[in-house]
Amino acid sequence: MAMAAYCDNGSYEGFANFYIQQAKEERFHGQKIYDYINDRGEKAVFSAISAPKSDFKNILETFEDGLAQEQDVTRRFYNLSELANKDKDYATISFLNWFLDEQVEEESMFETHIDYLKRIGDDSNTLYLYEKELAARTFNEE
């Protein structure tokens, strides 16, 4: 949401919408993990997290940071998968495979946006059109 706020404050409502929809998707993923933990008879444990970065040089930097976050999430899912494999926890392996597939899509999406924003450069007209495209993005639970 910090990236959405940055975009909104810069009057980039389309990019803000992209990050708002992204946050909805991430919340859905969190709920899916929470439900799985409960379904397995375990207790979900929450810990404090640090405040996210909220100041960026430009829109491109938000996407570069978003990609870095997705890569970190992927690494964490790999670590969980290694533990599940070690424990021969086949249900969790199956559960985590969905997220690993999702991470491939997420990283690819951010890479595509980064490539496009780099090509756009300082062309404000093309940036405007791209922003309008992202303004139409919605998230629907799968």
Protein backbone atom coordinates (compact mmCIF):
# COMPACT_ATOMS: atom_id res chain seq x y z
CA MET A 1 0.00 0.00 0.00
CA ALA A 2 2.99 2.31 0.49
CA MET A 3 3.66 2.16 -3.24
CA ALA A 4 0.00 2.94 -3.93
CA ALA A 5 0.21 5.94 -1.59
CA TYR A 6 3.35 7.18 -3.34
CA CYS A 7 1.61 6.91 -6.71
CA ASP A 8 -1.58 8.58 -5.46
CA ASN A 9 0.40 11.43 -3.95
CA GLY A 10 2.07 11.97 -7.32
CA SER A 11 -1.29 11.99 -9.13
CA TYR A 12 -0.62 8.63 -10.77
CA GLU A 13 -4.01 7.11 -10.02
CA GLY A 14 -3.60 4.30 -12.56
CA PHE A 15 -0.36 3.13 -11.00
CA ALA A 16 -1.93 3.53 -7.55
CA ASN A 17 -4.76 1.27 -8.67
CA PHE A 18 -2.24 -1.33 -9.83
CA TYR A 19 -0.70 -1.43 -6.34
CA ILE A 20 -4.10 -1.41 -4.60
CA GLN A 21 -5.14 -4.44 -6.66
CA GLN A 22 -1.76 -6.02 -5.96
CA ALA A 23 -2.31 -5.53 -2.22
CA LYS A 24 -5.73 -7.22 -2.49
CA GLU A 25 -4.07 -10.17 -4.18
CA GLU A 26 -1.38 -10.38 -1.50
CA ARG A 27 -4.03 -10.29 1.23
CA PHE A 28 -5.84 -13.13 -0.52
CA HIS A 29 -2.59 -15.12 -0.56
CA GLY A 30 -2.08 -14.43 3.14
CA GLN A 31 -5.61 -15.63 3.88
CA LYS A 32 -4.94 -18.78 1.89
CA ILE A 33 -1.85 -19.51 4.00
CA TYR A 34 -3.72 -18.71 7.23
CA ASP A 35 -6.55 -21.06 6.28
CA TYR A 36 -4.12 -23.85 5.38
CA ILE A 37 -2.34 -23.57 8.71
CA ASN A 38 -5.67 -23.76 10.54
CA ASP A 39 -6.90 -26.63 8.37
CA ARG A 40 -3.80 -28.57 9.39
CA GLY A 41 -4.65 -28.04 13.06
CA GLU A 42 -1.80 -25.63 13.69
CA LYS A 43 -1.79 -22.11 15.10
CA ALA A 44 -0.86 -19.16 12.90
CA VAL A 45 1.72 -16.95 14.61
CA PHE A 46 2.15 -13.30 13.73
CA SER A 47 5.16 -11.11 14.38
CA ALA A 48 5.91 -7.43 13.94
CA ILE A 49 7.12 -6.19 10.58
CA SER A 50 9.00 -3.02 9.84
CA ALA A 51 7.37 -0.13 8.03
CA PRO A 52 7.68 -0.38 4.26
CA LYS A 53 9.69 2.02 2.16
CA SER A 54 7.42 4.93 1.26
CA ASP A 55 9.57 7.32 -0.78
CA PHE A 56 10.70 6.53 -4.29
CA LYS A 57 12.61 8.37 -7.02
CA ASN A 58 10.00 7.57 -9.65
CA ILE A 59 7.41 5.04 -10.79
CA LEU A 60 10.10 2.76 -12.21
CA GLU A 61 11.69 2.43 -8.78
CA THR A 62 8.38 1.24 -7.30
CA PHE A 63 8.32 -1.61 -9.81
CA GLU A 64 11.99 -2.44 -9.25
CA ASP A 65 11.35 -2.59 -5.51
CA GLY A 66 8.21 -4.64 -6.13
CA LEU A 67 10.25 -7.14 -8.14
CA ALA A 68 12.82 -7.36 -5.34
CA GLN A 69 10.02 -8.06 -2.86
CA GLU A 70 8.58 -10.79 -5.07
CA GLN A 71 12.03 -12.36 -5.44
CA ASP A 72 12.37 -12.37 -1.65
CA VAL A 73 8.96 -14.03 -1.31
CA THR A 74 10.00 -16.64 -3.88
CA ARG A 75 13.15 -17.39 -1.89
CA ARG A 76 11.05 -17.83 1.25
CA PHE A 77 8.69 -20.24 -0.52
CA TYR A 78 11.70 -22.22 -1.78
CA ASN A 79 12.93 -22.50 1.81
CA LEU A 80 9.52 -23.71 2.98
CA SER A 81 9.40 -26.21 0.12
CA GLU A 82 12.80 -27.58 1.09
CA LEU A 83 11.57 -28.09 4.66
CA ALA A 84 8.37 -29.77 3.48
CA ASN A 85 10.35 -32.07 1.18
CA LYS A 86 12.75 -32.94 3.99
CA ASP A 87 9.80 -33.80 6.25
CA LYS A 88 7.99 -35.65 3.43
CA ASP A 89 4.96 -33.44 4.09
CA TYR A 90 3.28 -34.09 0.75
CA ALA A 91 0.17 -32.03 1.46
CA THR A 92 2.29 -28.97 2.19
CA ILE A 93 4.45 -29.63 -0.87
CA SER A 94 1.29 -29.62 -2.99
CA PHE A 95 0.03 -26.48 -1.26
CA LEU A 96 3.33 -24.65 -1.75
CA ASN A 97 3.54 -25.60 -5.43
CA TRP A 98 0.55 -23.35 -6.11
CA PHE A 99 2.47 -20.43 -4.59
CA LEU A 100 5.65 -21.27 -6.49
CA ASP A 101 3.69 -21.18 -9.75
CA GLU A 102 2.14 -17.89 -8.66
CA GLN A 103 5.58 -16.43 -7.94
CA VAL A 104 6.75 -17.20 -11.48
CA GLU A 105 3.80 -15.15 -12.74
CA GLU A 106 4.40 -12.33 -10.25
CA GLU A 107 8.09 -11.95 -11.05
CA SER A 108 7.41 -12.10 -14.78
CA MET A 109 4.71 -9.44 -14.48
CA PHE A 110 7.01 -7.04 -12.60
CA GLU A 111 9.84 -7.68 -15.08
CA THR A 112 7.47 -6.87 -17.96
CA HIS A 113 6.37 -3.61 -16.33
CA ILE A 114 10.00 -2.66 -15.64
CA ASP A 115 11.01 -3.35 -19.24
CA TYR A 116 8.09 -1.31 -20.54
CA LEU A 117 8.74 1.62 -18.20
CA LYS A 118 12.39 1.66 -19.26
CA ARG A 119 11.34 1.79 -22.92
CA ILE A 120 8.88 4.60 -22.18
CA GLY A 121 11.57 6.66 -20.49
CA ASP A 122 10.54 10.30 -20.32
CA ASP A 123 7.72 10.03 -22.87
CA SER A 124 4.86 11.44 -20.78
CA ASN A 125 2.20 10.68 -23.41
CA THR A 126 3.05 6.98 -23.50
CA LEU A 127 3.33 6.89 -19.71
CA TYR A 128 -0.15 8.42 -19.51
CA LEU A 129 -1.58 5.72 -21.80
CA TYR A 130 0.18 2.98 -19.86
CA GLU A 131 -1.18 4.37 -16.61
CA LYS A 132 -4.72 4.33 -18.02
CA GLU A 133 -4.24 0.66 -18.90
CA LEU A 134 -3.23 -0.12 -15.31
CA ALA A 135 -6.17 1.89 -13.97
CA ALA A 136 -8.47 -0.80 -15.37
CA ARG A 137 -6.74 -3.64 -13.48
CA THR A 138 -8.92 -5.52 -11.01
CA PHE A 139 -8.29 -8.48 -8.74
CA ASN A 140 -10.71 -11.37 -8.61
CA GLU A 141 -10.17 -14.14 -6.08
CA GLU A 142 -9.23 -17.34 -7.84
